[in-house]
């Protein structure tokens, strides 16, 4: 599996494209493209690499992670894949967007495919881990062969996701981090929803929220 990182919108959100070099099948994770030129960067990359999108995958449905979701789903005729608990946030995207400076439509009508904790996706054997606490339905995606974990806004380099937004739960987030993320081997690379990459080992040693 190969990976390409994009940084989109005024919240500097990390979007990832994962693809199988042999089959060219790919997943687009958290399409947060806000402006037309950002969406064009994403689709141009997919086309230049000759990739075939088969998954549009969300770590969670906060508006900065889904600003470009409608365009991607429609362009590639794919449903959005997420945990069922995230649907409410999809339906509230227009309201949250107006507060946070995003112009997005209600996304409650998008075709959906639900995943649960422990599911393994056919593309690259991606393991799904449910890590709510930052918001309902938050997921992390583990690529064991590549020794990577995409954590969304559950875990950042040196920090954790905020829990003061509706649906946030600090105790739940901490419990899930300690049971579903930190047991991964220290060398696993952490690919967060914002900011720089890290490793599990670095976070266990230096992250003040986790020590």
N, C-alpha and C. Protein backbone atom coordinates (compact mmCIF):
# COMPACT_ATOMS: atom_id res chain seq x y z
N UNK A 1 0.83 -1.19 0.00
CA UNK A 1 0.00 0.00 0.00
C UNK A 1 0.88 1.25 0.00
N UNK A 2 0.51 2.19 -0.84
CA UNK A 2 1.18 3.48 -0.90
C UNK A 2 0.26 4.54 -0.29
N UNK A 3 0.83 5.66 0.11
CA UNK A 3 0.02 6.70 0.75
C UNK A 3 0.47 8.08 0.30
N UNK A 4 -0.51 8.96 0.10
CA UNK A 4 -0.25 10.36 -0.25
C UNK A 4 -1.06 11.23 0.69
N UNK A 5 -0.41 12.22 1.27
CA UNK A 5 -1.05 13.14 2.20
C UNK A 5 -1.35 14.47 1.51
N UNK A 6 -2.57 14.96 1.70
CA UNK A 6 -2.95 16.31 1.28
C UNK A 6 -3.33 17.10 2.52
N UNK A 7 -3.11 18.41 2.50
CA UNK A 7 -3.57 19.29 3.58
C UNK A 7 -4.58 20.25 2.98
N UNK A 8 -5.81 20.19 3.49
CA UNK A 8 -6.92 20.93 2.88
C UNK A 8 -7.58 21.89 3.87
N UNK A 9 -8.20 22.89 3.33
CA UNK A 9 -9.10 23.87 3.96
C UNK A 9 -8.43 24.71 5.03
N UNK A 10 -9.19 25.68 5.54
CA UNK A 10 -8.59 26.65 6.47
C UNK A 10 -8.38 26.07 7.87
N UNK A 11 -8.76 24.81 8.07
CA UNK A 11 -8.43 24.12 9.32
C UNK A 11 -7.20 23.22 9.16
N UNK A 12 -6.59 23.25 7.97
CA UNK A 12 -5.37 22.47 7.71
C UNK A 12 -5.56 20.99 8.05
N UNK A 13 -6.59 20.43 7.44
CA UNK A 13 -6.97 19.03 7.69
C UNK A 13 -6.18 18.09 6.79
N UNK A 14 -5.76 16.96 7.36
CA UNK A 14 -5.02 15.96 6.59
C UNK A 14 -5.98 14.98 5.92
N UNK A 15 -5.90 14.93 4.61
CA UNK A 15 -6.62 13.93 3.81
C UNK A 15 -5.58 12.96 3.26
N UNK A 16 -5.91 11.68 3.26
CA UNK A 16 -4.97 10.67 2.79
C UNK A 16 -5.57 9.85 1.65
N UNK A 17 -4.75 9.56 0.66
CA UNK A 17 -5.11 8.62 -0.39
C UNK A 17 -4.23 7.39 -0.21
N UNK A 18 -4.86 6.23 -0.05
CA UNK A 18 -4.16 4.96 0.11
C UNK A 18 -4.43 4.12 -1.13
N UNK A 19 -3.38 3.50 -1.69
CA UNK A 19 -3.64 2.68 -2.86
C UNK A 19 -2.73 1.46 -2.91
N UNK A 20 -3.26 0.44 -3.56
CA UNK A 20 -2.54 -0.81 -3.82
C UNK A 20 -1.79 -0.64 -5.13
N UNK A 21 -0.49 -0.71 -5.08
CA UNK A 21 0.32 -0.47 -6.29
C UNK A 21 0.05 -1.49 -7.37
N UNK A 22 -0.35 -2.69 -6.99
CA UNK A 22 -0.59 -3.75 -7.98
C UNK A 22 -1.93 -3.57 -8.69
N UNK A 23 -2.99 -3.30 -7.92
CA UNK A 23 -4.33 -3.23 -8.51
C UNK A 23 -4.74 -1.80 -8.86
N UNK A 24 -4.06 -0.81 -8.28
CA UNK A 24 -4.38 0.62 -8.42
C UNK A 24 -5.69 1.01 -7.73
N UNK A 25 -6.29 0.08 -6.98
CA UNK A 25 -7.47 0.44 -6.20
C UNK A 25 -7.06 1.34 -5.04
N UNK A 26 -7.90 2.34 -4.73
CA UNK A 26 -7.52 3.28 -3.70
C UNK A 26 -8.68 3.66 -2.80
N UNK A 27 -8.33 4.16 -1.63
CA UNK A 27 -9.29 4.72 -0.69
C UNK A 27 -8.94 6.19 -0.48
N UNK A 28 -9.95 7.03 -0.43
CA UNK A 28 -9.78 8.44 -0.12
C UNK A 28 -10.31 8.65 1.29
N UNK A 29 -9.42 9.05 2.21
CA UNK A 29 -9.77 9.16 3.62
C UNK A 29 -9.92 10.64 4.00
N UNK A 30 -11.09 11.00 4.50
CA UNK A 30 -11.38 12.36 4.98
C UNK A 30 -11.17 13.42 3.89
N UNK A 31 -12.01 13.41 2.86
CA UNK A 31 -11.87 14.41 1.79
C UNK A 31 -12.35 15.79 2.23
N UNK A 32 -11.44 16.57 2.79
CA UNK A 32 -11.79 17.86 3.35
C UNK A 32 -11.57 19.03 2.41
N UNK A 33 -11.45 18.78 1.11
CA UNK A 33 -11.19 19.86 0.15
C UNK A 33 -12.31 20.90 0.22
N UNK A 34 -11.95 22.12 0.52
CA UNK A 34 -12.92 23.20 0.69
C UNK A 34 -13.09 24.00 -0.61
N UNK A 35 -11.98 24.32 -1.25
CA UNK A 35 -12.01 25.13 -2.47
C UNK A 35 -11.95 24.24 -3.70
N UNK A 36 -12.41 24.79 -4.82
CA UNK A 36 -12.40 24.04 -6.07
C UNK A 36 -11.01 23.59 -6.47
N UNK A 37 -10.01 24.44 -6.24
CA UNK A 37 -8.65 24.06 -6.64
C UNK A 37 -8.13 22.92 -5.78
N UNK A 38 -8.60 22.82 -4.53
CA UNK A 38 -8.18 21.71 -3.69
C UNK A 38 -8.78 20.40 -4.19
N UNK A 39 -10.05 20.45 -4.51
CA UNK A 39 -10.70 19.26 -5.07
C UNK A 39 -10.02 18.84 -6.37
N UNK A 40 -9.63 19.82 -7.18
CA UNK A 40 -8.95 19.53 -8.44
C UNK A 40 -7.59 18.87 -8.20
N UNK A 41 -6.88 19.30 -7.16
CA UNK A 41 -5.59 18.67 -6.82
C UNK A 41 -5.78 17.20 -6.52
N UNK A 42 -6.83 16.88 -5.78
CA UNK A 42 -7.09 15.50 -5.40
C UNK A 42 -7.44 14.66 -6.62
N UNK A 43 -8.39 15.11 -7.42
CA UNK A 43 -8.81 14.32 -8.58
C UNK A 43 -7.69 14.21 -9.62
N UNK A 44 -6.90 15.27 -9.76
CA UNK A 44 -5.79 15.23 -10.71
C UNK A 44 -4.76 14.19 -10.28
N UNK A 45 -4.49 14.11 -8.98
CA UNK A 45 -3.54 13.11 -8.48
C UNK A 45 -4.05 11.71 -8.77
N UNK A 46 -5.31 11.47 -8.49
CA UNK A 46 -5.91 10.15 -8.74
C UNK A 46 -5.79 9.78 -10.21
N UNK A 47 -6.08 10.73 -11.08
CA UNK A 47 -6.03 10.46 -12.52
C UNK A 47 -4.60 10.24 -13.00
N UNK A 48 -3.67 11.07 -12.54
CA UNK A 48 -2.28 10.94 -13.00
C UNK A 48 -1.66 9.63 -12.56
N UNK A 49 -2.06 9.14 -11.40
CA UNK A 49 -1.55 7.86 -10.90
C UNK A 49 -2.29 6.67 -11.49
N UNK A 50 -3.37 6.94 -12.20
CA UNK A 50 -4.17 5.85 -12.77
C UNK A 50 -4.89 5.04 -11.71
N UNK A 51 -5.32 5.71 -10.64
CA UNK A 51 -5.94 5.02 -9.52
C UNK A 51 -7.44 4.82 -9.75
N UNK A 52 -7.97 3.80 -9.10
CA UNK A 52 -9.39 3.50 -9.16
C UNK A 52 -9.97 3.57 -7.75
N UNK A 53 -10.64 4.68 -7.39
CA UNK A 53 -11.22 4.79 -6.05
C UNK A 53 -12.30 3.73 -5.82
N UNK A 54 -12.18 3.01 -4.71
CA UNK A 54 -13.18 2.00 -4.34
C UNK A 54 -13.76 2.28 -2.96
N UNK A 55 -13.16 3.23 -2.22
CA UNK A 55 -13.64 3.57 -0.88
C UNK A 55 -13.50 5.07 -0.66
N UNK A 56 -14.54 5.67 -0.10
CA UNK A 56 -14.46 7.01 0.47
C UNK A 56 -14.68 6.82 1.96
N UNK A 57 -13.62 7.01 2.73
CA UNK A 57 -13.57 6.55 4.11
C UNK A 57 -13.44 7.75 5.05
N UNK A 58 -14.23 7.74 6.14
CA UNK A 58 -14.16 8.82 7.13
C UNK A 58 -13.61 8.32 8.46
N UNK A 59 -12.70 9.11 9.04
CA UNK A 59 -12.36 8.86 10.44
C UNK A 59 -13.48 9.38 11.34
N UNK A 60 -14.09 10.50 10.94
CA UNK A 60 -15.25 11.05 11.64
C UNK A 60 -15.85 12.11 10.75
N UNK A 61 -17.02 12.62 11.15
CA UNK A 61 -17.79 13.46 10.23
C UNK A 61 -17.86 14.92 10.63
N UNK A 62 -16.85 15.43 11.33
CA UNK A 62 -16.79 16.87 11.56
C UNK A 62 -16.58 17.57 10.22
N UNK A 63 -17.12 18.77 10.11
CA UNK A 63 -17.23 19.41 8.80
C UNK A 63 -15.87 19.65 8.14
N UNK A 64 -14.81 19.88 8.91
CA UNK A 64 -13.51 20.12 8.29
C UNK A 64 -12.94 18.86 7.64
N UNK A 65 -13.47 17.70 7.99
CA UNK A 65 -13.02 16.44 7.39
C UNK A 65 -13.92 15.98 6.24
N UNK A 66 -15.03 16.68 6.04
CA UNK A 66 -15.98 16.24 5.00
C UNK A 66 -16.36 17.37 4.04
N UNK A 67 -15.59 18.47 4.06
CA UNK A 67 -15.95 19.62 3.22
C UNK A 67 -16.05 19.24 1.74
N UNK A 68 -15.23 18.29 1.30
CA UNK A 68 -15.26 17.87 -0.11
C UNK A 68 -15.92 16.53 -0.33
N UNK A 69 -16.67 16.05 0.66
CA UNK A 69 -17.24 14.70 0.59
C UNK A 69 -18.23 14.54 -0.55
N UNK A 70 -19.14 15.50 -0.69
CA UNK A 70 -20.16 15.37 -1.75
C UNK A 70 -19.52 15.28 -3.13
N UNK A 71 -18.54 16.14 -3.38
CA UNK A 71 -17.90 16.14 -4.69
C UNK A 71 -17.23 14.79 -4.98
N UNK A 72 -16.53 14.26 -3.99
CA UNK A 72 -15.81 13.00 -4.19
C UNK A 72 -16.78 11.84 -4.40
N UNK A 73 -17.80 11.76 -3.55
CA UNK A 73 -18.77 10.66 -3.68
C UNK A 73 -19.47 10.69 -5.03
N UNK A 74 -19.85 11.88 -5.46
CA UNK A 74 -20.55 12.00 -6.74
C UNK A 74 -19.61 11.74 -7.92
N UNK A 75 -18.40 12.27 -7.83
CA UNK A 75 -17.46 12.12 -8.94
C UNK A 75 -17.11 10.66 -9.20
N UNK A 76 -16.97 9.89 -8.11
CA UNK A 76 -16.57 8.49 -8.27
C UNK A 76 -17.71 7.50 -8.05
N UNK A 77 -18.93 8.03 -7.89
CA UNK A 77 -20.14 7.20 -7.72
C UNK A 77 -19.94 6.16 -6.61
N UNK A 78 -19.52 6.65 -5.44
CA UNK A 78 -19.25 5.78 -4.29
C UNK A 78 -20.04 6.26 -3.08
N UNK A 79 -20.44 5.33 -2.20
CA UNK A 79 -21.02 5.74 -0.93
C UNK A 79 -19.92 6.22 0.00
N UNK A 80 -20.32 6.86 1.09
CA UNK A 80 -19.35 7.21 2.12
C UNK A 80 -19.34 6.09 3.15
N UNK A 81 -18.16 5.65 3.52
CA UNK A 81 -17.99 4.56 4.49
C UNK A 81 -17.60 5.16 5.83
N UNK A 82 -18.40 4.86 6.85
CA UNK A 82 -18.20 5.44 8.19
C UNK A 82 -18.90 4.59 9.23
N UNK A 83 -18.68 4.90 10.49
CA UNK A 83 -19.43 4.28 11.57
C UNK A 83 -20.82 4.90 11.63
N UNK A 84 -21.82 4.09 11.95
CA UNK A 84 -23.20 4.57 11.93
C UNK A 84 -23.43 5.75 12.87
N UNK A 85 -22.66 5.81 13.96
CA UNK A 85 -22.85 6.90 14.93
C UNK A 85 -22.45 8.25 14.36
N UNK A 86 -21.78 8.26 13.21
CA UNK A 86 -21.37 9.52 12.61
C UNK A 86 -22.40 10.15 11.70
N UNK A 87 -23.50 9.44 11.46
CA UNK A 87 -24.51 9.94 10.50
C UNK A 87 -25.13 11.24 10.97
N UNK A 88 -25.36 11.37 12.27
CA UNK A 88 -25.97 12.60 12.78
C UNK A 88 -25.13 13.82 12.42
N UNK A 89 -23.81 13.68 12.50
CA UNK A 89 -22.94 14.80 12.14
C UNK A 89 -23.01 15.11 10.66
N UNK A 90 -23.18 14.09 9.83
CA UNK A 90 -23.35 14.33 8.39
C UNK A 90 -24.58 15.20 8.15
N UNK A 91 -25.66 14.88 8.86
CA UNK A 91 -26.90 15.62 8.68
C UNK A 91 -26.79 17.05 9.20
N UNK A 92 -25.85 17.28 10.13
CA UNK A 92 -25.68 18.61 10.71
C UNK A 92 -24.57 19.42 10.05
N UNK A 93 -24.00 18.88 8.97
CA UNK A 93 -22.84 19.53 8.35
C UNK A 93 -23.13 20.96 7.92
N UNK A 94 -24.30 21.20 7.38
CA UNK A 94 -24.63 22.54 6.90
C UNK A 94 -24.64 23.54 8.06
N UNK A 95 -25.21 23.13 9.20
CA UNK A 95 -25.29 24.01 10.37
C UNK A 95 -23.91 24.26 10.95
N UNK A 96 -23.15 23.17 11.17
CA UNK A 96 -21.81 23.34 11.71
C UNK A 96 -20.92 24.12 10.76
N UNK A 97 -21.11 23.90 9.47
CA UNK A 97 -20.32 24.61 8.48
C UNK A 97 -20.51 26.11 8.56
N UNK A 98 -21.76 26.54 8.74
CA UNK A 98 -22.03 27.98 8.80
C UNK A 98 -21.35 28.63 9.99
N UNK A 99 -21.18 27.87 11.07
CA UNK A 99 -20.53 28.39 12.28
C UNK A 99 -19.01 28.42 12.11
N UNK A 100 -18.47 27.43 11.36
CA UNK A 100 -17.02 27.26 11.27
C UNK A 100 -16.43 27.78 9.96
N UNK A 101 -17.25 28.49 9.17
CA UNK A 101 -16.73 29.12 7.97
C UNK A 101 -16.69 28.25 6.74
N UNK A 102 -17.48 27.16 6.71
CA UNK A 102 -17.54 26.28 5.55
C UNK A 102 -18.89 26.42 4.86
N UNK A 103 -18.89 26.48 3.56
CA UNK A 103 -20.13 26.49 2.80
C UNK A 103 -20.38 25.07 2.27
N UNK A 104 -21.15 24.29 3.01
CA UNK A 104 -21.46 22.92 2.61
C UNK A 104 -22.96 22.69 2.71
N UNK A 105 -23.44 21.75 1.92
CA UNK A 105 -24.84 21.39 1.95
C UNK A 105 -25.06 20.28 2.97
N UNK A 106 -26.33 20.06 3.33
CA UNK A 106 -26.67 18.92 4.17
C UNK A 106 -26.26 17.64 3.48
N UNK A 107 -25.58 16.76 4.19
CA UNK A 107 -25.05 15.54 3.58
C UNK A 107 -25.77 14.29 4.07
N UNK A 108 -26.90 14.50 4.75
CA UNK A 108 -27.62 13.36 5.27
C UNK A 108 -28.16 12.41 4.22
N UNK A 109 -28.29 12.90 2.98
CA UNK A 109 -28.83 12.05 1.92
C UNK A 109 -27.80 11.26 1.14
N UNK A 110 -26.54 11.38 1.49
CA UNK A 110 -25.50 10.64 0.77
C UNK A 110 -25.66 9.14 1.00
N UNK A 111 -25.43 8.32 -0.01
CA UNK A 111 -25.40 6.86 0.20
C UNK A 111 -24.31 6.51 1.21
N UNK A 112 -24.61 5.59 2.12
CA UNK A 112 -23.68 5.25 3.19
C UNK A 112 -23.42 3.76 3.25
N UNK A 113 -22.24 3.43 3.71
CA UNK A 113 -21.88 2.05 4.04
C UNK A 113 -21.27 2.08 5.43
N UNK A 114 -21.83 1.27 6.34
CA UNK A 114 -21.41 1.33 7.73
C UNK A 114 -20.35 0.28 8.05
N UNK A 115 -19.42 0.67 8.90
CA UNK A 115 -18.38 -0.23 9.39
C UNK A 115 -18.40 -0.20 10.91
N UNK A 116 -17.82 -1.24 11.51
CA UNK A 116 -17.79 -1.37 12.96
C UNK A 116 -16.39 -1.71 13.45
N UNK A 117 -16.20 -1.62 14.75
CA UNK A 117 -14.94 -1.97 15.36
C UNK A 117 -14.56 -3.41 15.01
N UNK A 118 -13.34 -3.60 14.57
CA UNK A 118 -12.86 -4.94 14.24
C UNK A 118 -13.04 -5.35 12.79
N UNK A 119 -13.79 -4.57 12.03
CA UNK A 119 -13.95 -4.89 10.61
C UNK A 119 -12.59 -4.76 9.91
N UNK A 120 -12.39 -5.59 8.90
CA UNK A 120 -11.19 -5.52 8.07
C UNK A 120 -11.63 -5.27 6.64
N UNK A 121 -11.16 -4.19 6.05
CA UNK A 121 -11.55 -3.82 4.70
C UNK A 121 -10.73 -4.58 3.67
N UNK A 122 -11.35 -4.97 2.56
CA UNK A 122 -10.63 -5.75 1.54
C UNK A 122 -9.39 -5.03 1.01
N UNK A 123 -9.47 -3.72 0.86
CA UNK A 123 -8.34 -2.96 0.33
C UNK A 123 -7.22 -2.90 1.36
N UNK A 124 -6.15 -3.62 1.11
CA UNK A 124 -4.97 -3.56 1.96
C UNK A 124 -5.13 -4.15 3.34
N UNK A 125 -6.24 -4.85 3.60
CA UNK A 125 -6.46 -5.41 4.93
C UNK A 125 -6.52 -4.36 6.02
N UNK A 126 -7.09 -3.20 5.71
CA UNK A 126 -7.19 -2.10 6.68
C UNK A 126 -8.11 -2.51 7.82
N UNK A 127 -7.59 -2.46 9.05
CA UNK A 127 -8.39 -2.81 10.22
C UNK A 127 -9.07 -1.56 10.79
N UNK A 128 -10.36 -1.65 11.08
CA UNK A 128 -11.14 -0.54 11.60
C UNK A 128 -11.21 -0.64 13.13
N UNK A 129 -10.89 0.44 13.81
CA UNK A 129 -10.97 0.46 15.27
C UNK A 129 -11.82 1.66 15.70
N UNK A 130 -12.84 1.39 16.52
CA UNK A 130 -13.76 2.42 16.98
C UNK A 130 -13.14 3.17 18.15
N UNK A 131 -12.94 4.48 17.99
CA UNK A 131 -12.30 5.29 19.04
C UNK A 131 -13.12 6.56 19.31
N UNK A 132 -14.38 6.42 19.76
CA UNK A 132 -15.19 7.60 20.05
C UNK A 132 -14.62 8.37 21.25
N UNK A 133 -15.13 9.56 21.42
CA UNK A 133 -14.68 10.42 22.51
C UNK A 133 -14.46 11.83 22.01
N UNK A 134 -13.74 11.95 20.89
CA UNK A 134 -13.66 13.26 20.23
C UNK A 134 -15.03 13.62 19.69
N UNK A 135 -15.68 12.65 19.08
CA UNK A 135 -17.06 12.79 18.64
C UNK A 135 -17.62 11.40 18.39
N UNK A 136 -18.94 11.26 18.32
CA UNK A 136 -19.53 9.95 18.05
C UNK A 136 -19.09 9.40 16.69
N UNK A 137 -18.80 8.11 16.68
CA UNK A 137 -18.48 7.43 15.42
C UNK A 137 -17.04 7.55 14.97
N UNK A 138 -16.17 8.11 15.78
CA UNK A 138 -14.77 8.25 15.36
C UNK A 138 -14.12 6.88 15.16
N UNK A 139 -13.37 6.76 14.07
CA UNK A 139 -12.69 5.51 13.74
C UNK A 139 -11.20 5.78 13.51
N UNK A 140 -10.40 4.77 13.81
CA UNK A 140 -8.99 4.75 13.42
C UNK A 140 -8.80 3.59 12.45
N UNK A 141 -7.84 3.72 11.55
CA UNK A 141 -7.61 2.70 10.52
C UNK A 141 -6.15 2.25 10.59
N UNK A 142 -5.98 0.96 10.83
CA UNK A 142 -4.65 0.39 11.04
C UNK A 142 -4.21 -0.37 9.80
N UNK A 143 -3.03 -0.05 9.30
CA UNK A 143 -2.42 -0.76 8.19
C UNK A 143 -1.23 -1.52 8.77
N UNK A 144 -1.46 -2.79 9.10
CA UNK A 144 -0.44 -3.53 9.84
C UNK A 144 0.81 -3.79 9.01
N UNK A 145 0.64 -4.11 7.74
CA UNK A 145 1.81 -4.41 6.92
C UNK A 145 2.70 -3.19 6.78
N UNK A 146 2.06 -2.01 6.67
CA UNK A 146 2.83 -0.77 6.53
C UNK A 146 3.21 -0.16 7.88
N UNK A 147 2.69 -0.73 8.97
CA UNK A 147 2.96 -0.24 10.33
C UNK A 147 2.55 1.22 10.47
N UNK A 148 1.28 1.46 10.15
CA UNK A 148 0.71 2.80 10.23
C UNK A 148 -0.67 2.74 10.86
N UNK A 149 -1.07 3.86 11.48
CA UNK A 149 -2.45 4.00 11.96
C UNK A 149 -2.92 5.42 11.67
N UNK A 150 -4.05 5.52 10.99
CA UNK A 150 -4.68 6.81 10.72
C UNK A 150 -5.64 7.08 11.87
N UNK A 151 -5.37 8.13 12.65
CA UNK A 151 -6.10 8.34 13.90
C UNK A 151 -7.16 9.43 13.84
N UNK A 152 -7.30 10.12 12.70
CA UNK A 152 -8.27 11.21 12.66
C UNK A 152 -7.95 12.24 13.73
N UNK A 153 -8.98 12.71 14.45
CA UNK A 153 -8.76 13.70 15.49
C UNK A 153 -8.75 13.08 16.89
N UNK A 154 -8.60 11.76 16.97
CA UNK A 154 -8.50 11.11 18.28
C UNK A 154 -7.13 11.36 18.90
N UNK A 155 -6.08 11.27 18.10
CA UNK A 155 -4.71 11.41 18.59
C UNK A 155 -3.89 12.24 17.63
N UNK A 156 -3.22 13.25 18.18
CA UNK A 156 -2.31 14.10 17.42
C UNK A 156 -0.90 13.95 17.96
N UNK A 157 0.04 14.50 17.23
CA UNK A 157 1.40 14.55 17.76
C UNK A 157 1.43 15.46 18.99
N UNK A 158 1.67 14.87 20.15
CA UNK A 158 1.77 15.63 21.38
C UNK A 158 0.45 16.06 21.99
N UNK A 159 -0.66 15.59 21.44
CA UNK A 159 -1.95 16.03 21.96
C UNK A 159 -3.03 14.99 21.64
N UNK A 160 -4.25 15.29 22.04
CA UNK A 160 -5.40 14.45 21.73
C UNK A 160 -6.52 15.34 21.20
N UNK A 161 -7.56 14.72 20.68
CA UNK A 161 -8.68 15.48 20.15
C UNK A 161 -9.45 16.21 21.25
N UNK A 162 -9.98 17.37 20.91
CA UNK A 162 -10.78 18.12 21.87
C UNK A 162 -12.08 17.36 22.15
N UNK A 163 -12.60 17.52 23.35
CA UNK A 163 -13.81 16.79 23.74
C UNK A 163 -14.90 17.73 24.25
N UNK A 164 -14.76 19.03 23.95
CA UNK A 164 -15.74 19.99 24.44
C UNK A 164 -16.83 20.32 23.42
N UNK A 165 -16.79 19.65 22.26
CA UNK A 165 -17.84 19.83 21.27
C UNK A 165 -18.98 18.84 21.55
N UNK A 166 -20.18 19.08 20.99
CA UNK A 166 -21.29 18.16 21.23
C UNK A 166 -20.93 16.71 20.91
N UNK A 167 -21.21 15.82 21.86
CA UNK A 167 -20.88 14.41 21.67
C UNK A 167 -19.51 14.04 22.15
N UNK A 168 -18.71 15.00 22.59
CA UNK A 168 -17.37 14.72 23.09
C UNK A 168 -17.42 14.11 24.48
N UNK A 169 -16.44 13.26 24.79
CA UNK A 169 -16.39 12.60 26.08
C UNK A 169 -14.93 12.28 26.39
N UNK A 170 -14.33 13.08 27.28
CA UNK A 170 -12.90 12.95 27.57
C UNK A 170 -12.56 11.57 28.12
N UNK A 171 -13.32 11.09 29.11
CA UNK A 171 -13.02 9.80 29.73
C UNK A 171 -13.11 8.67 28.71
N UNK A 172 -14.10 8.74 27.83
CA UNK A 172 -14.26 7.71 26.81
C UNK A 172 -13.09 7.74 25.83
N UNK A 173 -12.70 8.94 25.41
CA UNK A 173 -11.57 9.05 24.48
C UNK A 173 -10.31 8.48 25.09
N UNK A 174 -10.03 8.82 26.34
CA UNK A 174 -8.82 8.31 26.98
C UNK A 174 -8.86 6.79 27.09
N UNK A 175 -10.02 6.25 27.43
CA UNK A 175 -10.14 4.79 27.54
C UNK A 175 -9.88 4.13 26.19
N UNK A 176 -10.43 4.70 25.14
CA UNK A 176 -10.26 4.10 23.81
C UNK A 176 -8.82 4.24 23.31
N UNK A 177 -8.18 5.35 23.60
CA UNK A 177 -6.78 5.50 23.21
C UNK A 177 -5.92 4.45 23.89
N UNK A 178 -6.19 4.19 25.15
CA UNK A 178 -5.37 3.25 25.91
C UNK A 178 -5.67 1.79 25.57
N UNK A 179 -6.85 1.52 25.00
CA UNK A 179 -7.19 0.13 24.69
C UNK A 179 -7.14 -0.19 23.20
N UNK A 180 -7.31 0.83 22.33
CA UNK A 180 -7.41 0.55 20.90
C UNK A 180 -6.27 1.14 20.06
N UNK A 181 -5.52 2.10 20.62
CA UNK A 181 -4.44 2.75 19.85
C UNK A 181 -3.07 2.48 20.46
N UNK A 182 -2.89 2.79 21.72
CA UNK A 182 -1.57 2.68 22.33
C UNK A 182 -1.02 1.26 22.42
N UNK A 183 -1.85 0.20 22.43
CA UNK A 183 -1.28 -1.15 22.41
C UNK A 183 -0.58 -1.52 21.10
N UNK A 184 -0.74 -0.70 20.05
CA UNK A 184 -0.02 -0.97 18.81
C UNK A 184 1.49 -0.86 19.07
N UNK A 185 2.30 -1.55 18.29
CA UNK A 185 3.76 -1.49 18.49
C UNK A 185 4.31 -0.06 18.37
N UNK A 186 5.36 0.21 19.12
CA UNK A 186 5.93 1.56 19.18
C UNK A 186 6.34 2.10 17.82
N UNK A 187 6.74 1.22 16.90
CA UNK A 187 7.23 1.71 15.61
C UNK A 187 6.12 2.11 14.65
N UNK A 188 4.87 1.84 15.00
CA UNK A 188 3.77 2.21 14.09
C UNK A 188 3.70 3.73 13.96
N UNK A 189 3.62 4.20 12.72
CA UNK A 189 3.53 5.62 12.44
C UNK A 189 2.10 6.10 12.66
N UNK A 190 1.95 7.25 13.29
CA UNK A 190 0.65 7.86 13.56
C UNK A 190 0.39 8.93 12.52
N UNK A 191 -0.70 8.77 11.77
CA UNK A 191 -1.11 9.74 10.76
C UNK A 191 -2.38 10.43 11.26
N UNK A 192 -2.24 11.62 11.84
CA UNK A 192 -3.38 12.27 12.48
C UNK A 192 -4.21 13.11 11.50
N UNK A 193 -5.33 13.61 12.00
CA UNK A 193 -6.22 14.41 11.16
C UNK A 193 -5.74 15.82 10.94
N UNK A 194 -4.79 16.28 11.74
CA UNK A 194 -4.19 17.61 11.59
C UNK A 194 -2.75 17.53 12.07
N UNK A 195 -1.89 18.34 11.50
CA UNK A 195 -0.54 18.46 12.00
C UNK A 195 0.41 17.38 11.53
N UNK A 196 1.54 17.29 12.22
CA UNK A 196 2.64 16.42 11.81
C UNK A 196 2.41 14.96 12.19
N UNK A 197 3.11 14.09 11.50
CA UNK A 197 3.07 12.67 11.81
C UNK A 197 3.90 12.38 13.06
N UNK A 198 3.66 11.20 13.63
CA UNK A 198 4.38 10.80 14.84
C UNK A 198 4.49 9.29 14.83
N UNK A 199 4.83 8.71 15.96
CA UNK A 199 4.81 7.26 16.14
C UNK A 199 4.14 6.94 17.47
N UNK A 200 3.70 5.69 17.59
CA UNK A 200 3.11 5.25 18.86
C UNK A 200 4.12 5.41 20.00
N UNK A 201 5.37 5.03 19.75
CA UNK A 201 6.39 5.14 20.77
C UNK A 201 6.61 6.56 21.23
N UNK A 202 6.67 7.50 20.28
CA UNK A 202 6.85 8.91 20.64
C UNK A 202 5.70 9.41 21.49
N UNK A 203 4.48 9.02 21.12
CA UNK A 203 3.32 9.51 21.87
C UNK A 203 3.29 8.94 23.28
N UNK A 204 3.64 7.68 23.43
CA UNK A 204 3.67 7.09 24.77
C UNK A 204 4.72 7.76 25.64
N UNK A 205 5.80 8.21 25.03
CA UNK A 205 6.90 8.79 25.79
C UNK A 205 6.71 10.29 26.05
N UNK A 206 6.20 11.04 25.07
CA UNK A 206 6.23 12.49 25.16
C UNK A 206 4.86 13.15 25.26
N UNK A 207 3.79 12.45 24.91
CA UNK A 207 2.47 13.07 24.93
C UNK A 207 1.98 13.19 26.38
N UNK A 208 1.87 14.42 26.88
CA UNK A 208 1.51 14.65 28.26
C UNK A 208 0.14 14.15 28.64
N UNK A 209 -0.77 13.99 27.67
CA UNK A 209 -2.10 13.47 27.96
C UNK A 209 -2.07 11.97 28.20
N UNK A 210 -1.04 11.30 27.72
CA UNK A 210 -1.04 9.83 27.72
C UNK A 210 -0.08 9.21 28.71
N UNK A 211 0.90 9.98 29.18
CA UNK A 211 1.92 9.39 30.06
C UNK A 211 1.34 9.07 31.43
